[in-house]
C-alpha atoms as a PDB file:
ATOM      1  CA  UNK A   1     108.315 114.753  91.516  1.00  0.00           C
ATOM      2  CA  UNK A   2     108.756 114.637  87.769  1.00  0.00           C
ATOM      3  CA  UNK A   3     110.453 111.592  86.220  1.00  0.00           C
ATOM      4  CA  UNK A   4     111.359 111.700  82.529  1.00  0.00           C
ATOM      5  CA  UNK A   5     112.691 109.193  80.037  1.00  0.00           C
ATOM      6  CA  UNK A   6     114.570 111.261  77.494  1.00  0.00           C
ATOM      7  CA  UNK A   7     115.644 109.908  74.109  1.00  0.00           C
ATOM      8  CA  UNK A   8     117.838 112.157  72.009  1.00  0.00           C
ATOM      9  CA  UNK A   9     120.570 112.182  69.400  1.00  0.00           C
ATOM     10  CA  UNK A  10     124.064 112.310  70.889  1.00  0.00           C
ATOM     11  CA  UNK A  11     126.906 113.782  68.854  1.00  0.00           C
ATOM     12  CA  UNK A  12     129.458 112.142  71.162  1.00  0.00           C
ATOM     13  CA  UNK A  13     127.905 108.699  70.621  1.00  0.00           C
ATOM     14  CA  UNK A  14     126.933 109.302  66.995  1.00  0.00           C
ATOM     15  CA  UNK A  15     123.417 107.980  67.533  1.00  0.00           C
ATOM     16  CA  UNK A  16     120.271 107.854  69.607  1.00  0.00           C
ATOM     17  CA  UNK A  17     120.616 107.279  73.345  1.00  0.00           C
ATOM     18  CA  UNK A  18     118.478 107.697  76.407  1.00  0.00           C
ATOM     19  CA  UNK A  19     118.588 108.840  79.989  1.00  0.00           C
ATOM     20  CA  UNK A  20     116.342 109.109  82.997  1.00  0.00           C
ATOM     21  CA  UNK A  21     115.838 112.495  84.661  1.00  0.00           C
ATOM     22  CA  UNK A  22     114.325 113.180  88.083  1.00  0.00           C
ATOM     23  CA  UNK A  23     113.290 116.771  88.817  1.00  0.00           C
ATOM     24  CA  UNK A  24     111.809 117.877  92.120  1.00  0.00           C
ATOM     25  CA  UNK A  25     110.282 120.916  90.433  1.00  0.00           C
ATOM     26  CA  UNK A  26     106.712 120.144  91.470  1.00  0.00           C
ATOM     27  CA  UNK A  27     107.025 118.897  95.049  1.00  0.00           C
ATOM     28  CA  UNK A  28     104.103 119.676  97.360  1.00  0.00           C
ATOM     29  CA  UNK A  29     104.493 122.843  99.446  1.00  0.00           C
ATOM     30  CA  UNK A  30     104.705 120.786 102.648  1.00  0.00           C
ATOM     31  CA  UNK A  31     107.959 119.231 101.302  1.00  0.00           C
ATOM     32  CA  UNK A  32     109.596 122.489 100.271  1.00  0.00           C
ATOM     33  CA  UNK A  33     108.403 124.861 103.013  1.00  0.00           C
ATOM     34  CA  UNK A  34     110.803 125.019 105.931  1.00  0.00           C
ATOM     35  CA  UNK A  35     113.331 122.941 103.940  1.00  0.00           C
ATOM     36  CA  UNK A  36     116.611 124.891 103.652  1.00  0.00           C
ATOM     37  CA  UNK A  37     117.498 123.078 100.416  1.00  0.00           C
ATOM     38  CA  UNK A  38     114.671 124.910  98.669  1.00  0.00           C
ATOM     39  CA  UNK A  39     116.049 128.337  99.597  1.00  0.00           C
ATOM     40  CA  UNK A  40     118.948 127.843  97.154  1.00  0.00           C
ATOM     41  CA  UNK A  41     119.125 126.971  93.453  1.00  0.00           C
ATOM     42  CA  UNK A  42     118.529 123.328  92.528  1.00  0.00           C
ATOM     43  CA  UNK A  43     121.725 121.247  92.415  1.00  0.00           C
ATOM     44  CA  UNK A  44     122.406 118.600  89.749  1.00  0.00           C
ATOM     45  CA  UNK A  45     123.727 115.066  90.232  1.00  0.00           C
ATOM     46  CA  UNK A  46     124.789 112.987  87.228  1.00  0.00           C
ATOM     47  CA  UNK A  47     124.406 109.423  88.475  1.00  0.00           C
ATOM     48  CA  UNK A  48     126.073 106.570  86.575  1.00  0.00           C
ATOM     49  CA  UNK A  49     124.920 102.944  86.590  1.00  0.00           C
ATOM     50  CA  UNK A  50     127.073  99.824  86.813  1.00  0.00           C
ATOM     51  CA  UNK A  51     128.144  97.212  84.270  1.00  0.00           C
ATOM     52  CA  UNK A  52     125.234  95.434  82.510  1.00  0.00           C
ATOM     53  CA  UNK A  53     122.830  97.952  84.052  1.00  0.00           C
ATOM     54  CA  UNK A  54     120.953 100.962  82.820  1.00  0.00           C
ATOM     55  CA  UNK A  55     119.639 104.339  83.904  1.00  0.00           C
ATOM     56  CA  UNK A  56     116.430 102.907  85.356  1.00  0.00           C
ATOM     57  CA  UNK A  57     118.382 100.818  87.884  1.00  0.00           C
ATOM     58  CA  UNK A  58     118.527 103.853  90.164  1.00  0.00           C
ATOM     59  CA  UNK A  59     114.773 104.462  89.895  1.00  0.00           C
ATOM     60  CA  UNK A  60     113.849 100.832  90.548  1.00  0.00           C
ATOM     61  CA  UNK A  61     116.499  99.892  93.107  1.00  0.00           C
ATOM     62  CA  UNK A  62     117.191 102.955  95.246  1.00  0.00           C
ATOM     63  CA  UNK A  63     115.488 105.841  96.997  1.00  0.00           C
ATOM     64  CA  UNK A  64     116.893 108.405  94.576  1.00  0.00           C
ATOM     65  CA  UNK A  65     113.486 110.024  94.011  1.00  0.00           C
ATOM     66  CA  UNK A  66     113.003 110.604  97.724  1.00  0.00           C
ATOM     67  CA  UNK A  67     116.547 112.003  98.042  1.00  0.00           C
ATOM     68  CA  UNK A  68     115.988 114.298  95.058  1.00  0.00           C
ATOM     69  CA  UNK A  69     112.865 115.667  96.715  1.00  0.00           C
ATOM     70  CA  UNK A  70     114.424 116.043 100.150  1.00  0.00           C
ATOM     71  CA  UNK A  71     117.542 117.844  98.881  1.00  0.00           C
ATOM     72  CA  UNK A  72     116.217 119.815  95.873  1.00  0.00           C
ATOM     73  CA  UNK A  73     118.427 117.790  93.554  1.00  0.00           C
ATOM     74  CA  UNK A  74     117.956 117.176  89.824  1.00  0.00           C
ATOM     75  CA  UNK A  75     119.251 113.681  89.079  1.00  0.00           C
ATOM     76  CA  UNK A  76     120.431 112.862  85.561  1.00  0.00           C
ATOM     77  CA  UNK A  77     121.003 109.157  84.825  1.00  0.00           C
ATOM     78  CA  UNK A  78     122.485 108.622  81.346  1.00  0.00           C
ATOM     79  CA  UNK A  79     122.727 105.261  79.641  1.00  0.00           C
ATOM     80  CA  UNK A  80     126.387 104.264  79.652  1.00  0.00           C
ATOM     81  CA  UNK A  81     125.797 100.732  78.382  1.00  0.00           C
ATOM     82  CA  UNK A  82     128.969  98.730  79.194  1.00  0.00           C
ATOM     83  CA  UNK A  83     131.322 101.527  78.175  1.00  0.00           C
ATOM     84  CA  UNK A  84     133.068 102.215  81.496  1.00  0.00           C
ATOM     85  CA  UNK A  85     132.226 105.783  80.480  1.00  0.00           C
ATOM     86  CA  UNK A  86     135.368 106.034  78.367  1.00  0.00           C
ATOM     87  CA  UNK A  87     135.945 107.499  74.937  1.00  0.00           C
ATOM     88  CA  UNK A  88     136.510 104.574  72.569  1.00  0.00           C
ATOM     89  CA  UNK A  89     138.440 105.518  69.468  1.00  0.00           C
ATOM     90  CA  UNK A  90     137.860 102.185  67.656  1.00  0.00           C
ATOM     91  CA  UNK A  91     134.058 102.512  67.917  1.00  0.00           C
ATOM     92  CA  UNK A  92     133.752 106.266  67.631  1.00  0.00           C
ATOM     93  CA  UNK A  93     131.687 106.345  70.824  1.00  0.00           C
ATOM     94  CA  UNK A  94     132.899 109.009  73.243  1.00  0.00           C
ATOM     95  CA  UNK A  95     131.189 108.176  76.546  1.00  0.00           C
ATOM     96  CA  UNK A  96     133.510 110.337  78.689  1.00  0.00           C
ATOM     97  CA  UNK A  97     132.761 113.333  76.477  1.00  0.00           C
ATOM     98  CA  UNK A  98     129.074 112.381  76.471  1.00  0.00           C
ATOM     99  CA  UNK A  99     128.851 112.429  80.283  1.00  0.00           C
ATOM    100  CA  UNK A 100     131.480 115.100  80.878  1.00  0.00           C
ATOM    101  CA  UNK A 101     130.018 117.676  78.508  1.00  0.00           C
ATOM    102  CA  UNK A 102     127.091 116.713  76.292  1.00  0.00           C
ATOM    103  CA  UNK A 103     124.700 115.416  78.970  1.00  0.00           C
ATOM    104  CA  UNK A 104     125.273 118.590  80.960  1.00  0.00           C
ATOM    105  CA  UNK A 105     124.779 120.858  77.946  1.00  0.00           C
ATOM    106  CA  UNK A 106     121.599 119.057  76.925  1.00  0.00           C
ATOM    107  CA  UNK A 107     119.963 118.888  80.369  1.00  0.00           C
ATOM    108  CA  UNK A 108     120.980 122.418  81.328  1.00  0.00           C
ATOM    109  CA  UNK A 109     119.377 123.884  78.219  1.00  0.00           C
ATOM    110  CA  UNK A 110     116.353 121.560  78.204  1.00  0.00           C
ATOM    111  CA  UNK A 111     115.489 121.705  81.918  1.00  0.00           C
ATOM    112  CA  UNK A 112     116.985 125.074  82.878  1.00  0.00           C
ATOM    113  CA  UNK A 113     119.511 123.610  85.327  1.00  0.00           C
ATOM    114  CA  UNK A 114     122.368 125.577  86.842  1.00  0.00           C
ATOM    115  CA  UNK A 115     125.433 125.962  84.636  1.00  0.00           C
ATOM    116  CA  UNK A 116     127.771 126.350  87.606  1.00  0.00           C
ATOM    117  CA  UNK A 117     130.261 123.616  88.478  1.00  0.00           C
ATOM    118  CA  UNK A 118     129.659 124.243  92.183  1.00  0.00           C
ATOM    119  CA  UNK A 119     126.027 123.187  91.635  1.00  0.00           C
ATOM    120  CA  UNK A 120     126.936 120.070  89.650  1.00  0.00           C
ATOM    121  CA  UNK A 121     128.062 116.695  91.032  1.00  0.00           C
ATOM    122  CA  UNK A 122     128.811 113.273  89.570  1.00  0.00           C
ATOM    123  CA  UNK A 123     128.544 109.851  91.183  1.00  0.00           C
ATOM    124  CA  UNK A 124     128.158 106.215  90.329  1.00  0.00           C
ATOM    125  CA  UNK A 125     128.246 102.596  91.391  1.00  0.00           C
ATOM    126  CA  UNK A 126     130.774  99.943  90.283  1.00  0.00           C
ATOM    127  CA  UNK A 127     131.485 100.688  86.605  1.00  0.00           C
ATOM    128  CA  UNK A 128     129.653 103.969  87.228  1.00  0.00           C
ATOM    129  CA  UNK A 129     131.925 104.665  90.209  1.00  0.00           C
ATOM    130  CA  UNK A 130     134.919 104.289  87.918  1.00  0.00           C
ATOM    131  CA  UNK A 131     133.154 106.496  85.364  1.00  0.00           C
ATOM    132  CA  UNK A 132     132.412 109.138  88.000  1.00  0.00           C
ATOM    133  CA  UNK A 133     136.057 109.266  89.102  1.00  0.00           C
ATOM    134  CA  UNK A 134     137.382 109.344  85.548  1.00  0.00           C
ATOM    135  CA  UNK A 135     134.845 111.811  84.163  1.00  0.00           C
ATOM    136  CA  UNK A 136     134.769 114.036  87.243  1.00  0.00           C
ATOM    137  CA  UNK A 137     138.533 114.453  87.114  1.00  0.00           C
ATOM    138  CA  UNK A 138     138.825 114.686  83.319  1.00  0.00           C
ATOM    139  CA  UNK A 139     136.063 117.321  83.188  1.00  0.00           C
ATOM    140  CA  UNK A 140     136.737 118.983  86.539  1.00  0.00           C
ATOM    141  CA  UNK A 141     135.652 122.345  85.142  1.00  0.00           C
ATOM    142  CA  UNK A 142     132.091 120.955  85.050  1.00  0.00           C
ATOM    143  CA  UNK A 143     131.873 119.059  88.360  1.00  0.00           C
ATOM    144  CA  UNK A 144     132.619 120.182  91.901  1.00  0.00           C
ATOM    145  CA  UNK A 145     132.036 116.891  93.740  1.00  0.00           C
ATOM    146  CA  UNK A 146     132.547 113.197  92.959  1.00  0.00           C
ATOM    147  CA  UNK A 147     130.960 110.203  94.720  1.00  0.00           C
ATOM    148  CA  UNK A 148     132.389 106.810  93.744  1.00  0.00           C
ATOM    149  CA  UNK A 149     130.544 103.843  95.262  1.00  0.00           C
ATOM    150  CA  UNK A 150     132.237 100.411  95.075  1.00  0.00           C
ATOM    151  CA  UNK A 151     134.180 101.641  92.060  1.00  0.00           C
ATOM    152  CA  UNK A 152     135.333  99.107  89.481  1.00  0.00           C
ATOM    153  CA  UNK A 153     139.029  99.865  89.710  1.00  0.00           C
ATOM    154  CA  UNK A 154     140.162  96.603  88.161  1.00  0.00           C
ATOM    155  CA  UNK A 155     143.879  96.706  88.924  1.00  0.00           C
ATOM    156  CA  UNK A 156     144.919  93.197  90.005  1.00  0.00           C
ATOM    157  CA  UNK A 157     145.707  91.781  86.538  1.00  0.00           C
ATOM    158  CA  UNK A 158     147.322  94.989  85.293  1.00  0.00           C
ATOM    159  CA  UNK A 159     150.958  94.063  85.909  1.00  0.00           C
ATOM    160  CA  UNK A 160     150.779  90.945  83.696  1.00  0.00           C
ATOM    161  CA  UNK A 161     148.350  92.217  81.049  1.00  0.00           C
ATOM    162  CA  UNK A 162     149.344  92.231  77.367  1.00  0.00           C
ATOM    163  CA  UNK A 163     147.606  93.639  74.275  1.00  0.00           C
ATOM    164  CA  UNK A 164     146.598  90.060  73.361  1.00  0.00           C
ATOM    165  CA  UNK A 165     144.524  89.575  76.546  1.00  0.00           C
ATOM    166  CA  UNK A 166     140.827  89.393  75.793  1.00  0.00           C
ATOM    167  CA  UNK A 167     138.932  90.422  78.924  1.00  0.00           C
ATOM    168  CA  UNK A 168     135.758  92.146  77.655  1.00  0.00           C
ATOM    169  CA  UNK A 169     135.292  94.160  80.868  1.00  0.00           C
ATOM    170  CA  UNK A 170     138.847  95.422  81.282  1.00  0.00           C
ATOM    171  CA  UNK A 171     141.125  94.705  78.348  1.00  0.00           C
ATOM    172  CA  UNK A 172     144.497  96.221  77.575  1.00  0.00           C
ATOM    173  CA  UNK A 173     142.948  99.239  75.823  1.00  0.00           C
ATOM    174  CA  UNK A 174     140.870  99.980  78.919  1.00  0.00           C
ATOM    175  CA  UNK A 175     144.009 100.493  80.970  1.00  0.00           C
END
């Protein structure tokens, strides 16, 4: 199992960023033989972290490496910082575009991953669950499946929210 920390320049974010990549391209023969997932092309999962987290959260706090190996699944975990994976006009950072297009373009060309939407999925937890729903739907030409785990769909204050409200996680511009 290969695990990479990739640092690269992002046009969508106008600066350096990083991501974690898990590739089951070197699993032992005993893992791949007799495993039907290795008789088809490798699938890709873009996996988004939650608020105040980072791409390594999935490596340290889940069994994503074991799942990648068992299911012949490349897992791409970009750093979304606290962006909710949205394009932010005031800052010039375009996180939806970054995840919806640029991460796929970069990893497909760098690691030789499938360019087919039917081989490409997106998922996330909390803020990442929101990001997976938003990005997966906004860029549906690139993703065939969405998994949203405990998504941060912060809707309870919405009815009474004004542009003057100052909630750093979900302000008026977020909605």
